[in-house]
Amino acid sequence: MLALDLADVTVSYRDRGNPELSVARLQLARGETMAVTGRADIGKRALHNVIAGLERPTTGRVLWGEVDIAALPAPKRDLWRARHMGLMSRETNLFPGLSIMDNVLLPTGLGRNTGFGFWRGPSVLRERATMLIERAGLTEPGRLVDDLDRNERRGVALARMLLKRPDILLVDDPTGDLAPRAAEAIGDSLLALAREERVTFVAFTDDERLIGRMDHVVPLRAGRILSEGCVEMAS
């Protein structure tokens, strides 16, 4: 688990006047959950990318634990993200023609020259993949992902994200395009697995069911936080 601490963060683009993102301070303790809410705009996308280390802020620091990822060059940010963070969005980016199990395991076998469907690696990873697939509500790990609906595909992406035990989960609108029952199921899986794995969890979402179960809520409008720091949810 890693704590998050943003201070004096701005993101400005050359063709625009005022900063698209301006955050004086934003903190989240290790192992806590936070929802960032608000209409999708450039500022919201910038905050997601800054937290993920996908882009550097124009000013400020972005501390995950003791590491200021804003100070790292792009290759080191990429390496840090691969080691510590699991990312998930609506776009599941599954490999067609492969099974659920192969899609969950494949990222751990890239570069092994094993070929699709012939993953070779530590048996403990396959055991963990099996557990995560089951916890994500999927019962047939050998089923091709081509035949899955959106809810099931999201479950595969969730299992894949958690396989390498990341310290942080960062998800972007994971339920917005799902029917209410499917959205509730994915939200339940996300929160249950995040707490079981004891990770720090940040969700960019406007799903009221998910928001209401998070430790903190950060309302963002036009790249500004509407209240000071994290807003604790009522128990």
Protein backbone atom coordinates (compact mmCIF):
# COMPACT_ATOMS: atom_id res chain seq x y z
CA MET A 1 0.00 0.00 0.00
CA LEU A 2 1.11 3.54 -0.73
CA ALA A 3 -0.30 6.87 0.44
CA LEU A 4 -1.07 9.69 -2.01
CA ASP A 5 -0.12 13.34 -1.46
CA LEU A 6 -0.58 16.02 -4.13
CA ALA A 7 0.62 19.56 -3.37
CA ASP A 8 0.36 22.71 -5.53
CA VAL A 9 -0.38 20.68 -8.64
CA THR A 10 -1.33 22.47 -11.85
CA VAL A 11 -1.58 21.32 -15.43
CA SER A 12 -1.48 23.94 -18.16
CA TYR A 13 -1.47 23.55 -21.92
CA ARG A 14 0.16 26.04 -24.26
CA ASP A 15 -2.93 26.82 -26.29
CA ARG A 16 -5.05 27.65 -23.24
CA GLY A 17 -4.96 30.48 -20.72
CA ASN A 18 -5.84 29.32 -17.21
CA PRO A 19 -4.63 25.96 -15.87
CA GLU A 20 -6.86 23.03 -16.76
CA LEU A 21 -6.10 21.50 -13.37
CA SER A 22 -5.35 23.27 -10.10
CA VAL A 23 -5.13 21.27 -6.85
CA ALA A 24 -3.64 22.96 -3.79
CA ARG A 25 -3.61 19.77 -1.70
CA LEU A 26 -5.05 16.30 -1.95
CA GLN A 27 -4.14 13.45 0.40
CA LEU A 28 -5.20 9.83 0.79
CA ALA A 29 -3.88 7.45 3.44
CA ARG A 30 -2.54 3.99 2.66
CA GLY A 31 -5.23 1.39 2.08
CA GLU A 32 -8.10 3.90 1.87
CA THR A 33 -10.61 4.33 -0.95
CA MET A 34 -11.45 7.56 -2.77
CA ALA A 35 -13.93 8.53 -5.47
CA VAL A 36 -13.23 11.51 -7.74
CA THR A 37 -16.54 12.77 -9.10
CA GLY A 38 -17.60 15.34 -11.66
CA ARG A 39 -18.37 15.81 -15.32
CA ALA A 40 -15.73 14.50 -17.68
CA ASP A 41 -13.52 17.36 -18.85
CA ILE A 42 -9.87 18.14 -19.53
CA GLY A 43 -9.18 18.83 -15.85
CA LYS A 44 -10.57 15.49 -14.72
CA ARG A 45 -8.54 13.66 -17.35
CA ALA A 46 -5.44 15.61 -16.33
CA LEU A 47 -5.89 14.63 -12.66
CA HIS A 48 -6.25 10.97 -13.61
CA ASN A 49 -3.12 11.08 -15.76
CA VAL A 50 -1.08 12.94 -13.13
CA ILE A 51 -2.04 10.48 -10.39
CA ALA A 52 -1.20 7.58 -12.71
CA GLY A 53 2.11 9.09 -13.80
CA LEU A 54 0.93 9.13 -17.42
CA GLU A 55 1.85 12.81 -17.61
CA ARG A 56 3.81 15.26 -15.50
CA PRO A 57 2.09 18.25 -13.94
CA THR A 58 3.21 21.72 -14.94
CA THR A 59 3.91 22.48 -11.28
CA GLY A 60 3.72 20.66 -7.96
CA ARG A 61 4.51 17.27 -6.49
CA VAL A 62 2.72 13.95 -6.75
CA LEU A 63 3.90 11.74 -3.92
CA TRP A 64 3.07 8.07 -3.80
CA GLY A 65 4.67 7.01 -0.55
CA GLU A 66 8.14 8.55 -0.60
CA VAL A 67 8.40 8.82 -4.39
CA ASP A 68 7.52 12.04 -6.21
CA ILE A 69 6.51 10.60 -9.57
CA ALA A 70 6.20 14.14 -10.97
CA ALA A 71 9.99 14.41 -10.70
CA LEU A 72 10.67 11.21 -12.64
CA PRO A 73 11.40 11.07 -16.38
CA ALA A 74 8.87 9.18 -18.49
CA PRO A 75 10.74 5.82 -18.61
CA LYS A 76 11.09 5.74 -14.81
CA ARG A 77 7.44 6.71 -14.36
CA ASP A 78 6.46 3.83 -16.66
CA LEU A 79 8.60 1.41 -14.65
CA TRP A 80 7.23 2.70 -11.35
CA ARG A 81 3.65 2.36 -12.61
CA ALA A 82 4.25 -1.19 -13.82
CA ARG A 83 5.62 -2.17 -10.40
CA HIS A 84 3.07 -0.46 -8.17
CA MET A 85 -0.19 0.35 -9.96
CA GLY A 86 -3.09 -1.49 -11.52
CA LEU A 87 -5.13 0.45 -14.09
CA MET A 88 -8.62 -0.26 -15.37
CA SER A 89 -11.12 1.60 -17.54
CA ARG A 90 -14.12 0.86 -19.75
CA GLU A 91 -11.71 -0.30 -22.44
CA THR A 92 -10.70 -3.73 -21.22
CA ASN A 93 -8.17 -4.36 -24.03
CA LEU A 94 -8.60 -8.13 -23.93
CA PHE A 95 -6.94 -10.34 -26.53
CA PRO A 96 -9.56 -11.97 -28.79
CA GLY A 97 -9.20 -15.65 -29.48
CA LEU A 98 -7.75 -16.30 -26.02
CA SER A 99 -9.40 -17.65 -22.90
CA ILE A 100 -10.19 -15.79 -19.72
CA MET A 101 -7.22 -17.45 -18.02
CA ASP A 102 -4.81 -16.63 -20.86
CA ASN A 103 -5.91 -12.98 -20.83
CA VAL A 104 -5.34 -12.71 -17.08
CA LEU A 105 -1.92 -14.39 -17.24
CA LEU A 106 -0.63 -13.00 -20.53
CA PRO A 107 0.88 -9.73 -19.20
CA THR A 108 3.10 -11.72 -16.83
CA GLY A 109 4.43 -13.82 -19.70
CA LEU A 110 5.19 -11.13 -22.28
CA GLY A 111 8.72 -11.54 -23.55
CA ARG A 112 8.90 -15.23 -22.64
CA ASN A 113 8.40 -16.30 -26.30
CA THR A 114 5.88 -18.87 -25.18
CA GLY A 115 3.17 -18.10 -27.75
CA PHE A 116 -0.52 -17.41 -27.22
CA GLY A 117 -2.24 -20.13 -25.25
CA PHE A 118 1.07 -21.60 -24.10
CA TRP A 119 1.82 -19.45 -21.06
CA ARG A 120 4.52 -20.85 -18.84
CA GLY A 121 5.30 -19.37 -15.47
CA PRO A 122 5.21 -20.01 -11.72
CA SER A 123 2.30 -22.22 -10.69
CA VAL A 124 1.56 -19.78 -7.87
CA LEU A 125 0.55 -17.18 -10.47
CA ARG A 126 -1.89 -19.56 -12.10
CA GLU A 127 -3.34 -20.41 -8.69
CA ARG A 128 -3.74 -16.72 -7.91
CA ALA A 129 -5.30 -16.09 -11.33
CA THR A 130 -7.81 -18.87 -10.68
CA MET A 131 -8.76 -17.34 -7.33
CA LEU A 132 -9.14 -13.83 -8.78
CA ILE A 133 -11.21 -15.06 -11.71
CA GLU A 134 -13.58 -16.77 -9.29
CA ARG A 135 -13.72 -13.70 -7.01
CA ALA A 136 -14.60 -11.57 -10.05
CA GLY A 137 -17.67 -13.73 -10.56
CA LEU A 138 -16.42 -15.79 -13.52
CA THR A 139 -16.87 -19.56 -13.44
CA GLU A 140 -15.28 -20.78 -16.69
CA PRO A 141 -11.60 -19.73 -16.93
CA GLY A 142 -11.22 -21.64 -20.21
CA ARG A 143 -14.00 -19.72 -21.95
CA LEU A 144 -12.97 -17.48 -24.86
CA VAL A 145 -13.26 -13.77 -24.10
CA ASP A 146 -14.92 -13.25 -27.49
CA ASP A 147 -18.11 -14.70 -26.01
CA LEU A 148 -18.23 -12.49 -22.90
CA ASP A 149 -20.58 -9.59 -22.25
CA ARG A 150 -19.34 -6.20 -21.03
CA ASN A 151 -19.78 -7.11 -17.37
CA GLU A 152 -17.81 -10.33 -17.75
CA ARG A 153 -15.07 -8.62 -19.74
CA ARG A 154 -14.75 -6.07 -16.93
CA GLY A 155 -14.33 -8.96 -14.50
CA VAL A 156 -11.45 -10.34 -16.58
CA ALA A 157 -9.79 -6.91 -16.58
CA LEU A 158 -10.21 -6.72 -12.81
CA ALA A 159 -8.55 -10.09 -12.25
CA ARG A 160 -5.71 -9.17 -14.60
CA MET A 161 -5.19 -5.84 -12.83
CA LEU A 162 -4.83 -7.53 -9.44
CA LEU A 163 -2.69 -10.50 -10.50
CA LYS A 164 0.71 -8.95 -9.68
CA ARG A 165 -0.43 -7.55 -6.32
CA PRO A 166 -0.27 -3.81 -7.06
CA ASP A 167 -0.09 -1.33 -4.20
CA ILE A 168 -2.60 0.98 -5.90
CA LEU A 169 -5.74 0.47 -7.98
CA LEU A 170 -6.76 3.34 -10.26
CA VAL A 171 -10.00 2.84 -12.18
CA ASP A 172 -11.68 5.19 -14.65
CA ASP A 173 -15.48 4.99 -14.95
CA PRO A 174 -15.55 1.22 -14.46
CA THR A 175 -19.36 0.92 -14.30
CA GLY A 176 -20.72 3.87 -16.29
CA ASP A 177 -21.70 1.88 -19.38
CA LEU A 178 -23.21 -1.09 -17.52
CA ALA A 179 -26.79 -1.92 -16.61
CA PRO A 180 -27.59 -1.25 -12.92
CA ARG A 181 -27.30 -4.86 -11.78
CA ALA A 182 -24.03 -5.43 -13.68
CA ALA A 183 -22.63 -2.11 -12.42
CA GLU A 184 -23.44 -3.09 -8.85
CA ALA A 185 -21.75 -6.47 -9.30
CA ILE A 186 -18.54 -4.92 -10.68
CA GLY A 187 -18.57 -2.25 -7.96
CA ASP A 188 -18.97 -4.95 -5.31
CA SER A 189 -16.07 -6.93 -6.77
CA LEU A 190 -13.83 -3.87 -7.00
CA LEU A 191 -14.37 -2.83 -3.40
CA ALA A 192 -14.25 -6.33 -1.95
CA LEU A 193 -11.03 -7.21 -3.74
CA ALA A 194 -9.43 -3.83 -3.00
CA ARG A 195 -10.07 -4.31 0.70
CA GLU A 196 -9.02 -7.96 0.71
CA GLU A 197 -5.80 -7.06 -1.09
CA ARG A 198 -5.33 -4.03 1.22
CA VAL A 199 -4.53 -1.66 -1.63
CA THR A 200 -5.03 2.08 -1.97
CA PHE A 201 -8.00 2.51 -4.31
CA VAL A 202 -8.90 5.59 -6.41
CA ALA A 203 -11.96 5.55 -8.67
CA PHE A 204 -12.95 8.25 -11.14
CA THR A 205 -16.70 7.65 -11.15
CA ASP A 206 -20.16 9.17 -10.92
CA ASP A 207 -21.80 5.88 -9.96
CA GLU A 208 -23.70 6.80 -6.79
CA ARG A 209 -23.75 3.19 -5.57
CA LEU A 210 -19.98 3.02 -5.73
CA ILE A 211 -19.40 6.55 -4.42
CA GLY A 212 -21.54 5.91 -1.35
CA ARG A 213 -19.27 3.06 -0.24
CA MET A 214 -15.93 4.85 -0.56
CA ASP A 215 -13.98 6.27 2.38
CA HIS A 216 -13.62 9.68 0.74
CA VAL A 217 -15.16 11.68 -2.09
CA VAL A 218 -13.46 14.48 -4.04
CA PRO A 219 -15.87 16.58 -6.12
CA LEU A 220 -13.99 18.03 -9.11
CA ARG A 221 -15.37 20.73 -11.38
CA ALA A 222 -13.43 22.35 -14.22
CA GLY A 223 -10.18 21.06 -12.76
CA ARG A 224 -10.78 22.42 -9.25
CA ILE A 225 -11.69 20.55 -6.08
CA LEU A 226 -14.93 22.00 -4.74
CA SER A 227 -14.02 21.36 -1.11
CA GLU A 228 -10.76 21.26 0.81
CA GLY A 229 -8.97 17.94 0.39
CA CYS A 230 -10.88 14.69 0.82
CA VAL A 231 -14.50 14.73 1.93
CA GLU A 232 -15.19 11.89 4.33
CA MET A 233 -18.34 9.89 3.66
CA ALA A 234 -20.88 9.58 6.43
CA SER A 235 -20.96 6.13 7.96
